[in-house]
Amino acid sequence: MPTRLLLELVRLDGEEAKKSVEQIQGAPVYRLRGNLLPLIYLHEELELEKKSEDDAINIVVLHADDRQVGRA
């Protein structure tokens, strides 16, 4: 069973959210202190409607299987 550790929470608001999330080969990533963090949008993975209309993104930074990932 893989170990998952919560490392930190990051909130991006408005324009910062739009500018900070990049696309690399069609996949969303966030540059966290110079490291690319692949993002996984939970509402898409769980096939749920996005409830919030604001432009804020909340990222949960996890360490899993010897790498960091972000869940937005």
PDB file of N, CA and C in Angstrom:
ATOM      1  N   MET A   1       0.854  -1.179   0.000  1.00  0.00           N
ATOM      2  CA  MET A   1       0.000   0.000   0.000  1.00  0.00           C
ATOM      3  C   MET A   1       0.902   1.246   0.000  1.00  0.00           C
ATOM      4  N   PRO A   2       0.684   2.158  -0.946  1.00  0.00           N
ATOM      5  CA  PRO A   2       1.532   3.353  -1.005  1.00  0.00           C
ATOM      6  C   PRO A   2       1.263   4.293   0.164  1.00  0.00           C
ATOM      7  N   THR A   3       2.321   4.945   0.605  1.00  0.00           N
ATOM      8  CA  THR A   3       2.207   5.920   1.681  1.00  0.00           C
ATOM      9  C   THR A   3       1.950   7.284   1.070  1.00  0.00           C
ATOM     10  N   ARG A   4       0.968   8.019   1.596  1.00  0.00           N
ATOM     11  CA  ARG A   4       0.659   9.363   1.115  1.00  0.00           C
ATOM     12  C   ARG A   4       0.766  10.320   2.290  1.00  0.00           C
ATOM     13  N   LEU A   5       1.520  11.381   2.080  1.00  0.00           N
ATOM     14  CA  LEU A   5       1.693  12.378   3.122  1.00  0.00           C
ATOM     15  C   LEU A   5       1.202  13.720   2.632  1.00  0.00           C
ATOM     16  N   LEU A   6       0.423  14.409   3.441  1.00  0.00           N
ATOM     17  CA  LEU A   6       0.011  15.770   3.136  1.00  0.00           C
ATOM     18  C   LEU A   6       1.184  16.684   3.442  1.00  0.00           C
ATOM     19  N   LEU A   7       1.670  17.399   2.420  1.00  0.00           N
ATOM     20  CA  LEU A   7       2.801  18.291   2.604  1.00  0.00           C
ATOM     21  C   LEU A   7       2.369  19.717   2.861  1.00  0.00           C
ATOM     22  N   GLU A   8       1.393  20.204   2.090  1.00  0.00           N
ATOM     23  CA  GLU A   8       0.918  21.575   2.280  1.00  0.00           C
ATOM     24  C   GLU A   8      -0.343  21.823   1.472  1.00  0.00           C
ATOM     25  N   LEU A   9      -0.972  22.951   1.773  1.00  0.00           N
ATOM     26  CA  LEU A   9      -2.145  23.414   1.038  1.00  0.00           C
ATOM     27  C   LEU A   9      -1.770  24.728   0.366  1.00  0.00           C
ATOM     28  N   VAL A  10      -2.172  24.892  -0.893  1.00  0.00           N
ATOM     29  CA  VAL A  10      -1.890  26.108  -1.652  1.00  0.00           C
ATOM     30  C   VAL A  10      -3.210  26.618  -2.209  1.00  0.00           C
ATOM     31  N   ARG A  11      -3.463  27.925  -2.061  1.00  0.00           N
ATOM     32  CA  ARG A  11      -4.668  28.525  -2.636  1.00  0.00           C
ATOM     33  C   ARG A  11      -4.242  29.578  -3.648  1.00  0.00           C
ATOM     34  N   LEU A  12      -4.783  29.462  -4.852  1.00  0.00           N
ATOM     35  CA  LEU A  12      -4.531  30.429  -5.910  1.00  0.00           C
ATOM     36  C   LEU A  12      -5.842  31.139  -6.207  1.00  0.00           C
ATOM     37  N   ASP A  13      -5.831  32.471  -6.171  1.00  0.00           N
ATOM     38  CA  ASP A  13      -7.050  33.245  -6.403  1.00  0.00           C
ATOM     39  C   ASP A  13      -6.997  33.975  -7.735  1.00  0.00           C
ATOM     40  N   GLY A  14      -8.159  34.113  -8.371  1.00  0.00           N
ATOM     41  CA  GLY A  14      -8.353  34.951  -9.542  1.00  0.00           C
ATOM     42  C   GLY A  14      -7.290  34.847 -10.611  1.00  0.00           C
ATOM     43  N   GLU A  15      -6.660  35.985 -10.921  1.00  0.00           N
ATOM     44  CA  GLU A  15      -5.647  36.041 -11.973  1.00  0.00           C
ATOM     45  C   GLU A  15      -4.454  35.142 -11.668  1.00  0.00           C
ATOM     46  N   GLU A  16      -4.088  35.030 -10.400  1.00  0.00           N
ATOM     47  CA  GLU A  16      -2.973  34.170 -10.026  1.00  0.00           C
ATOM     48  C   GLU A  16      -3.254  32.727 -10.437  1.00  0.00           C
ATOM     49  N   ALA A  17      -4.491  32.281 -10.260  1.00  0.00           N
ATOM     50  CA  ALA A  17      -4.866  30.916 -10.634  1.00  0.00           C
ATOM     51  C   ALA A  17      -4.754  30.728 -12.145  1.00  0.00           C
ATOM     52  N   LYS A  18      -5.211  31.718 -12.904  1.00  0.00           N
ATOM     53  CA  LYS A  18      -5.159  31.622 -14.364  1.00  0.00           C
ATOM     54  C   LYS A  18      -3.725  31.625 -14.875  1.00  0.00           C
ATOM     55  N   LYS A  19      -2.854  32.437 -14.281  1.00  0.00           N
ATOM     56  CA  LYS A  19      -1.472  32.548 -14.735  1.00  0.00           C
ATOM     57  C   LYS A  19      -0.595  31.390 -14.260  1.00  0.00           C
ATOM     58  N   SER A  20      -0.886  30.855 -13.102  1.00  0.00           N
ATOM     59  CA  SER A  20       0.015  29.893 -12.460  1.00  0.00           C
ATOM     60  C   SER A  20      -0.126  28.462 -12.946  1.00  0.00           C
ATOM     61  N   VAL A  21      -1.310  28.091 -13.445  1.00  0.00           N
ATOM     62  CA  VAL A  21      -1.493  26.723 -13.931  1.00  0.00           C
ATOM     63  C   VAL A  21      -1.094  26.694 -15.402  1.00  0.00           C
ATOM     64  N   GLU A  22      -0.112  25.858 -15.713  1.00  0.00           N
ATOM     65  CA  GLU A  22       0.396  25.724 -17.075  1.00  0.00           C
ATOM     66  C   GLU A  22      -0.058  24.387 -17.659  1.00  0.00           C
ATOM     67  N   GLN A  23       0.035  24.267 -18.965  1.00  0.00           N
ATOM     68  CA  GLN A  23      -0.260  23.010 -19.645  1.00  0.00           C
ATOM     69  C   GLN A  23       1.030  22.490 -20.268  1.00  0.00           C
ATOM     70  N   ILE A  24       1.390  21.272 -19.964  1.00  0.00           N
ATOM     71  CA  ILE A  24       2.535  20.628 -20.583  1.00  0.00           C
ATOM     72  C   ILE A  24       2.055  19.311 -21.166  1.00  0.00           C
ATOM     73  N   GLN A  25       2.155  19.200 -22.479  1.00  0.00           N
ATOM     74  CA  GLN A  25       1.647  18.048 -23.233  1.00  0.00           C
ATOM     75  C   GLN A  25       0.198  17.756 -22.866  1.00  0.00           C
ATOM     76  N   GLY A  26      -0.598  18.821 -22.721  1.00  0.00           N
ATOM     77  CA  GLY A  26      -2.018  18.690 -22.445  1.00  0.00           C
ATOM     78  C   GLY A  26      -2.380  18.403 -20.994  1.00  0.00           C
ATOM     79  N   ALA A  27      -1.377  18.348 -20.114  1.00  0.00           N
ATOM     80  CA  ALA A  27      -1.639  18.054 -18.702  1.00  0.00           C
ATOM     81  C   ALA A  27      -1.392  19.304 -17.860  1.00  0.00           C
ATOM     82  N   PRO A  28      -2.301  19.611 -16.908  1.00  0.00           N
ATOM     83  CA  PRO A  28      -2.108  20.787 -16.062  1.00  0.00           C
ATOM     84  C   PRO A  28      -1.010  20.564 -15.029  1.00  0.00           C
ATOM     85  N   VAL A  29      -0.183  21.592 -14.857  1.00  0.00           N
ATOM     86  CA  VAL A  29       0.883  21.547 -13.858  1.00  0.00           C
ATOM     87  C   VAL A  29       0.965  22.893 -13.153  1.00  0.00           C
ATOM     88  N   TYR A  30       1.502  22.874 -11.951  1.00  0.00           N
ATOM     89  CA  TYR A  30       1.736  24.088 -11.177  1.00  0.00           C
ATOM     90  C   TYR A  30       3.200  24.099 -10.776  1.00  0.00           C
ATOM     91  N   ARG A  31       3.851  25.232 -10.930  1.00  0.00           N
ATOM     92  CA  ARG A  31       5.266  25.362 -10.581  1.00  0.00           C
ATOM     93  C   ARG A  31       5.350  25.771  -9.112  1.00  0.00           C
ATOM     94  N   LEU A  32       5.730  24.834  -8.271  1.00  0.00           N
ATOM     95  CA  LEU A  32       5.832  25.063  -6.832  1.00  0.00           C
ATOM     96  C   LEU A  32       7.303  25.152  -6.454  1.00  0.00           C
ATOM     97  N   ARG A  33       7.745  26.372  -6.141  1.00  0.00           N
ATOM     98  CA  ARG A  33       9.146  26.618  -5.787  1.00  0.00           C
ATOM     99  C   ARG A  33      10.116  26.007  -6.799  1.00  0.00           C
ATOM    100  N   GLY A  34       9.811  26.201  -8.083  1.00  0.00           N
ATOM    101  CA  GLY A  34      10.697  25.757  -9.153  1.00  0.00           C
ATOM    102  C   GLY A  34      10.502  24.326  -9.611  1.00  0.00           C
ATOM    103  N   ASN A  35       9.667  23.558  -8.921  1.00  0.00           N
ATOM    104  CA  ASN A  35       9.401  22.169  -9.312  1.00  0.00           C
ATOM    105  C   ASN A  35       8.023  22.067  -9.953  1.00  0.00           C
ATOM    106  N   LEU A  36       7.918  21.314 -11.050  1.00  0.00           N
ATOM    107  CA  LEU A  36       6.622  21.108 -11.682  1.00  0.00           C
ATOM    108  C   LEU A  36       5.818  20.090 -10.887  1.00  0.00           C
ATOM    109  N   LEU A  37       4.611  20.487 -10.550  1.00  0.00           N
ATOM    110  CA  LEU A  37       3.711  19.647  -9.767  1.00  0.00           C
ATOM    111  C   LEU A  37       2.529  19.272 -10.657  1.00  0.00           C
ATOM    112  N   PRO A  38       2.400  18.007 -11.060  1.00  0.00           N
ATOM    113  CA  PRO A  38       1.243  17.628 -11.879  1.00  0.00           C
ATOM    114  C   PRO A  38      -0.037  17.788 -11.067  1.00  0.00           C
ATOM    115  N   LEU A  39      -1.074  18.325 -11.712  1.00  0.00           N
ATOM    116  CA  LEU A  39      -2.350  18.545 -11.030  1.00  0.00           C
ATOM    117  C   LEU A  39      -3.383  17.520 -11.482  1.00  0.00           C
ATOM    118  N   ILE A  40      -4.168  17.070 -10.539  1.00  0.00           N
ATOM    119  CA  ILE A  40      -5.289  16.177 -10.811  1.00  0.00           C
ATOM    120  C   ILE A  40      -6.527  16.882 -10.276  1.00  0.00           C
ATOM    121  N   TYR A  41      -7.484  17.177 -11.154  1.00  0.00           N
ATOM    122  CA  TYR A  41      -8.713  17.845 -10.732  1.00  0.00           C
ATOM    123  C   TYR A  41      -9.697  16.793 -10.224  1.00  0.00           C
ATOM    124  N   LEU A  42      -9.975  16.830  -8.922  1.00  0.00           N
ATOM    125  CA  LEU A  42     -10.813  15.805  -8.309  1.00  0.00           C
ATOM    126  C   LEU A  42     -12.229  15.783  -8.866  1.00  0.00           C
ATOM    127  N   HIS A  43     -12.791  16.962  -9.170  1.00  0.00           N
ATOM    128  CA  HIS A  43     -14.168  16.953  -9.688  1.00  0.00           C
ATOM    129  C   HIS A  43     -14.236  16.230 -11.038  1.00  0.00           C
ATOM    130  N   GLU A  44     -13.146  16.283 -11.819  1.00  0.00           N
ATOM    131  CA  GLU A  44     -13.126  15.555 -13.089  1.00  0.00           C
ATOM    132  C   GLU A  44     -12.942  14.058 -12.860  1.00  0.00           C
ATOM    133  N   GLU A  45     -12.029  13.696 -11.972  1.00  0.00           N
ATOM    134  CA  GLU A  45     -11.766  12.283 -11.696  1.00  0.00           C
ATOM    135  C   GLU A  45     -12.984  11.585 -11.101  1.00  0.00           C
ATOM    136  N   LEU A  46     -13.736  12.324 -10.277  1.00  0.00           N
ATOM    137  CA  LEU A  46     -14.927  11.747  -9.638  1.00  0.00           C
ATOM    138  C   LEU A  46     -16.196  11.969 -10.443  1.00  0.00           C
ATOM    139  N   GLU A  47     -16.028  12.594 -11.627  1.00  0.00           N
ATOM    140  CA  GLU A  47     -17.142  12.891 -12.526  1.00  0.00           C
ATOM    141  C   GLU A  47     -18.248  13.670 -11.830  1.00  0.00           C
ATOM    142  N   LEU A  48     -17.842  14.754 -11.137  1.00  0.00           N
ATOM    143  CA  LEU A  48     -18.771  15.634 -10.437  1.00  0.00           C
ATOM    144  C   LEU A  48     -18.806  16.986 -11.131  1.00  0.00           C
ATOM    145  N   GLU A  49     -19.910  17.696 -10.966  1.00  0.00           N
ATOM    146  CA  GLU A  49     -19.978  19.062 -11.472  1.00  0.00           C
ATOM    147  C   GLU A  49     -19.119  19.962 -10.599  1.00  0.00           C
ATOM    148  N   LYS A  50     -18.494  20.935 -11.218  1.00  0.00           N
ATOM    149  CA  LYS A  50     -17.734  21.912 -10.454  1.00  0.00           C
ATOM    150  C   LYS A  50     -18.739  22.825  -9.770  1.00  0.00           C
ATOM    151  N   LYS A  51     -18.730  22.863  -8.443  1.00  0.00           N
ATOM    152  CA  LYS A  51     -19.750  23.603  -7.696  1.00  0.00           C
ATOM    153  C   LYS A  51     -19.479  25.084  -7.615  1.00  0.00           C
ATOM    154  N   SER A  52     -18.222  25.467  -7.534  1.00  0.00           N
ATOM    155  CA  SER A  52     -17.878  26.867  -7.327  1.00  0.00           C
ATOM    156  C   SER A  52     -17.699  27.581  -8.659  1.00  0.00           C
ATOM    157  N   GLU A  53     -18.212  28.783  -8.756  1.00  0.00           N
ATOM    158  CA  GLU A  53     -18.065  29.586  -9.961  1.00  0.00           C
ATOM    159  C   GLU A  53     -16.877  30.536  -9.880  1.00  0.00           C
ATOM    160  N   ASP A  54     -16.248  30.648  -8.702  1.00  0.00           N
ATOM    161  CA  ASP A  54     -15.107  31.556  -8.604  1.00  0.00           C
ATOM    162  C   ASP A  54     -13.890  30.930  -9.286  1.00  0.00           C
ATOM    163  N   ASP A  55     -12.878  31.725  -9.491  1.00  0.00           N
ATOM    164  CA  ASP A  55     -11.695  31.274 -10.206  1.00  0.00           C
ATOM    165  C   ASP A  55     -10.612  30.737  -9.287  1.00  0.00           C
ATOM    166  N   ALA A  56     -10.906  30.603  -8.002  1.00  0.00           N
ATOM    167  CA  ALA A  56      -9.902  30.123  -7.050  1.00  0.00           C
ATOM    168  C   ALA A  56      -9.641  28.634  -7.244  1.00  0.00           C
ATOM    169  N   ILE A  57      -8.395  28.255  -6.990  1.00  0.00           N
ATOM    170  CA  ILE A  57      -8.002  26.845  -7.028  1.00  0.00           C
ATOM    171  C   ILE A  57      -7.341  26.519  -5.694  1.00  0.00           C
ATOM    172  N   ASN A  58      -7.815  25.475  -5.059  1.00  0.00           N
ATOM    173  CA  ASN A  58      -7.197  24.970  -3.833  1.00  0.00           C
ATOM    174  C   ASN A  58      -6.432  23.710  -4.198  1.00  0.00           C
ATOM    175  N   ILE A  59      -5.141  23.689  -3.873  1.00  0.00           N
ATOM    176  CA  ILE A  59      -4.293  22.548  -4.219  1.00  0.00           C
ATOM    177  C   ILE A  59      -3.837  21.868  -2.930  1.00  0.00           C
ATOM    178  N   VAL A  60      -4.052  20.569  -2.872  1.00  0.00           N
ATOM    179  CA  VAL A  60      -3.555  19.751  -1.775  1.00  0.00           C
ATOM    180  C   VAL A  60      -2.292  19.074  -2.296  1.00  0.00           C
ATOM    181  N   VAL A  61      -1.151  19.413  -1.716  1.00  0.00           N
ATOM    182  CA  VAL A  61       0.127  18.862  -2.171  1.00  0.00           C
ATOM    183  C   VAL A  61       0.409  17.600  -1.363  1.00  0.00           C
ATOM    184  N   LEU A  62       0.513  16.479  -2.081  1.00  0.00           N
ATOM    185  CA  LEU A  62       0.745  15.184  -1.451  1.00  0.00           C
ATOM    186  C   LEU A  62       2.073  14.611  -1.896  1.00  0.00           C
ATOM    187  N   HIS A  63       2.672  13.843  -1.037  1.00  0.00           N
ATOM    188  CA  HIS A  63       3.850  13.058  -1.397  1.00  0.00           C
ATOM    189  C   HIS A  63       3.365  11.618  -1.470  1.00  0.00           C
ATOM    190  N   ALA A  64       3.425  11.036  -2.666  1.00  0.00           N
ATOM    191  CA  ALA A  64       2.948   9.666  -2.848  1.00  0.00           C
ATOM    192  C   ALA A  64       3.903   8.912  -3.757  1.00  0.00           C
ATOM    193  N   ASP A  65       4.264   7.727  -3.373  1.00  0.00           N
ATOM    194  CA  ASP A  65       5.141   6.882  -4.195  1.00  0.00           C
ATOM    195  C   ASP A  65       6.405   7.618  -4.614  1.00  0.00           C
ATOM    196  N   ASP A  66       7.052   8.292  -3.679  1.00  0.00           N
ATOM    197  CA  ASP A  66       8.325   8.990  -3.903  1.00  0.00           C
ATOM    198  C   ASP A  66       8.233  10.163  -4.868  1.00  0.00           C
ATOM    199  N   ARG A  67       7.066  10.769  -5.040  1.00  0.00           N
ATOM    200  CA  ARG A  67       6.939  11.967  -5.859  1.00  0.00           C
ATOM    201  C   ARG A  67       5.822  12.830  -5.296  1.00  0.00           C
ATOM    202  N   GLN A  68       5.809  14.097  -5.691  1.00  0.00           N
ATOM    203  CA  GLN A  68       4.775  15.014  -5.237  1.00  0.00           C
ATOM    204  C   GLN A  68       3.722  15.184  -6.317  1.00  0.00           C
ATOM    205  N   VAL A  69       2.469  15.241  -5.898  1.00  0.00           N
ATOM    206  CA  VAL A  69       1.352  15.515  -6.805  1.00  0.00           C
ATOM    207  C   VAL A  69       0.428  16.501  -6.129  1.00  0.00           C
ATOM    208  N   GLY A  70      -0.327  17.215  -6.938  1.00  0.00           N
ATOM    209  CA  GLY A  70      -1.293  18.165  -6.410  1.00  0.00           C
ATOM    210  C   GLY A  70      -2.697  17.747  -6.778  1.00  0.00           C
ATOM    211  N   ARG A  71      -3.581  17.807  -5.828  1.00  0.00           N
ATOM    212  CA  ARG A  71      -5.011  17.518  -6.064  1.00  0.00           C
ATOM    213  C   ARG A  71      -5.743  18.841  -5.949  1.00  0.00           C
ATOM    214  N   ALA A  72      -6.402  19.234  -7.022  1.00  0.00           N
ATOM    215  CA  ALA A  72      -7.082  20.528  -7.034  1.00  0.00           C
ATOM    216  C   ALA A  72      -8.591  20.332  -7.043  1.00  0.00           C
TER     217      ALA A  72
END
